[in-house]
Amino acid sequence: MEAITFSPAQVHVFNLVSHIKSSLGLEQLRKQLATFYAKHVDEEMDQLWESGQFDEKKLQELRGSHFRTPYNK
């Protein structure tokens, strides 16, 4: 069996979440993580827009698109 190696950031997060003892604490963490990632996505999209790699035309092309993996049952 292959050993799993965690990065220092992963170890730090594991240590932090080990102190969460309630569902309220877990929900607060989820909201903070969602805010963190949303901020980074916004910053990356702003950079793409400013560089011209993403524009109104590409936005319109993507409108209504669905990129989920189709699952066969």
C-alpha atoms as a PDB file:
ATOM      1  CA  MET A   1       0.000   0.000   0.000  1.00  0.00           C
ATOM      2  CA  GLU A   2       1.297   3.428  -0.939  1.00  0.00           C
ATOM      3  CA  ALA A   3       1.845   5.931   1.877  1.00  0.00           C
ATOM      4  CA  ILE A   4       0.049   9.268   1.626  1.00  0.00           C
ATOM      5  CA  THR A   5       2.209  12.346   2.119  1.00  0.00           C
ATOM      6  CA  PHE A   6       0.496  15.532   3.238  1.00  0.00           C
ATOM      7  CA  SER A   7       1.772  19.017   2.507  1.00  0.00           C
ATOM      8  CA  PRO A   8       2.542  21.380   5.391  1.00  0.00           C
ATOM      9  CA  ALA A   9      -0.656  23.308   4.562  1.00  0.00           C
ATOM     10  CA  GLN A  10      -2.757  20.139   4.789  1.00  0.00           C
ATOM     11  CA  VAL A  11      -1.226  19.213   8.137  1.00  0.00           C
ATOM     12  CA  HIS A  12      -1.913  22.720   9.427  1.00  0.00           C
ATOM     13  CA  VAL A  13      -5.568  22.545   8.345  1.00  0.00           C
ATOM     14  CA  PHE A  14      -5.980  19.094   9.920  1.00  0.00           C
ATOM     15  CA  ASN A  15      -4.618  20.447  13.184  1.00  0.00           C
ATOM     16  CA  LEU A  16      -6.950  23.438  13.071  1.00  0.00           C
ATOM     17  CA  VAL A  17     -10.120  21.497  12.271  1.00  0.00           C
ATOM     18  CA  SER A  18      -9.415  19.009  15.031  1.00  0.00           C
ATOM     19  CA  HIS A  19     -10.499  21.777  17.430  1.00  0.00           C
ATOM     20  CA  ILE A  20     -13.958  22.179  15.861  1.00  0.00           C
ATOM     21  CA  LYS A  21     -16.402  20.556  18.246  1.00  0.00           C
ATOM     22  CA  SER A  22     -19.804  21.747  17.023  1.00  0.00           C
ATOM     23  CA  SER A  23     -21.879  21.871  13.872  1.00  0.00           C
ATOM     24  CA  LEU A  24     -21.901  25.671  14.191  1.00  0.00           C
ATOM     25  CA  GLY A  25     -18.105  25.728  14.098  1.00  0.00           C
ATOM     26  CA  LEU A  26     -18.112  23.476  11.049  1.00  0.00           C
ATOM     27  CA  GLU A  27     -20.633  25.712   9.270  1.00  0.00           C
ATOM     28  CA  GLN A  28     -18.539  28.795  10.046  1.00  0.00           C
ATOM     29  CA  LEU A  29     -15.479  27.065   8.594  1.00  0.00           C
ATOM     30  CA  ARG A  30     -17.402  26.106   5.443  1.00  0.00           C
ATOM     31  CA  LYS A  31     -18.492  29.713   4.950  1.00  0.00           C
ATOM     32  CA  GLN A  32     -14.951  30.994   5.439  1.00  0.00           C
ATOM     33  CA  LEU A  33     -13.560  28.494   2.940  1.00  0.00           C
ATOM     34  CA  ALA A  34     -16.253  29.368   0.403  1.00  0.00           C
ATOM     35  CA  THR A  35     -15.451  33.068   0.816  1.00  0.00           C
ATOM     36  CA  PHE A  36     -11.725  32.366   0.468  1.00  0.00           C
ATOM     37  CA  TYR A  37     -12.133  30.426  -2.779  1.00  0.00           C
ATOM     38  CA  ALA A  38     -14.702  32.842  -4.216  1.00  0.00           C
ATOM     39  CA  LYS A  39     -12.269  35.718  -3.660  1.00  0.00           C
ATOM     40  CA  HIS A  40      -9.498  33.867  -5.476  1.00  0.00           C
ATOM     41  CA  VAL A  41     -11.770  32.949  -8.392  1.00  0.00           C
ATOM     42  CA  ASP A  42     -12.833  36.602  -8.693  1.00  0.00           C
ATOM     43  CA  GLU A  43      -9.204  37.740  -8.711  1.00  0.00           C
ATOM     44  CA  GLU A  44      -8.267  35.201 -11.395  1.00  0.00           C
ATOM     45  CA  MET A  45     -11.268  36.156 -13.541  1.00  0.00           C
ATOM     46  CA  ASP A  46     -10.333  39.829 -13.226  1.00  0.00           C
ATOM     47  CA  GLN A  47      -6.816  39.006 -14.437  1.00  0.00           C
ATOM     48  CA  LEU A  48      -8.175  37.021 -17.398  1.00  0.00           C
ATOM     49  CA  TRP A  49     -10.542  39.873 -18.284  1.00  0.00           C
ATOM     50  CA  GLU A  50      -7.823  42.529 -18.030  1.00  0.00           C
ATOM     51  CA  SER A  51      -5.420  40.445 -20.140  1.00  0.00           C
ATOM     52  CA  GLY A  52      -8.059  39.928 -22.832  1.00  0.00           C
ATOM     53  CA  GLN A  53      -8.082  36.140 -22.455  1.00  0.00           C
ATOM     54  CA  PHE A  54     -11.718  36.338 -21.360  1.00  0.00           C
ATOM     55  CA  ASP A  55     -14.197  38.884 -22.657  1.00  0.00           C
ATOM     56  CA  GLU A  56     -17.890  39.527 -23.242  1.00  0.00           C
ATOM     57  CA  LYS A  57     -17.874  37.403 -26.398  1.00  0.00           C
ATOM     58  CA  LYS A  58     -16.480  34.341 -24.593  1.00  0.00           C
ATOM     59  CA  LEU A  59     -18.910  34.923 -21.745  1.00  0.00           C
ATOM     60  CA  GLN A  60     -21.843  34.854 -24.166  1.00  0.00           C
ATOM     61  CA  GLU A  61     -20.483  31.678 -25.804  1.00  0.00           C
ATOM     62  CA  LEU A  62     -20.423  29.929 -22.416  1.00  0.00           C
ATOM     63  CA  ARG A  63     -23.863  31.121 -21.314  1.00  0.00           C
ATOM     64  CA  GLY A  64     -26.156  28.138 -20.934  1.00  0.00           C
ATOM     65  CA  SER A  65     -23.367  25.575 -21.344  1.00  0.00           C
ATOM     66  CA  HIS A  66     -23.325  22.429 -19.252  1.00  0.00           C
ATOM     67  CA  PHE A  67     -19.991  20.764 -18.527  1.00  0.00           C
ATOM     68  CA  ARG A  68     -21.012  18.034 -16.119  1.00  0.00           C
ATOM     69  CA  THR A  69     -19.827  14.539 -16.831  1.00  0.00           C
ATOM     70  CA  PRO A  70     -22.690  12.416 -18.141  1.00  0.00           C
ATOM     71  CA  TYR A  71     -23.098   9.280 -16.086  1.00  0.00           C
ATOM     72  CA  ASN A  72     -24.497   6.152 -17.673  1.00  0.00           C
ATOM     73  CA  LYS A  73     -26.672   3.996 -15.474  1.00  0.00           C
END
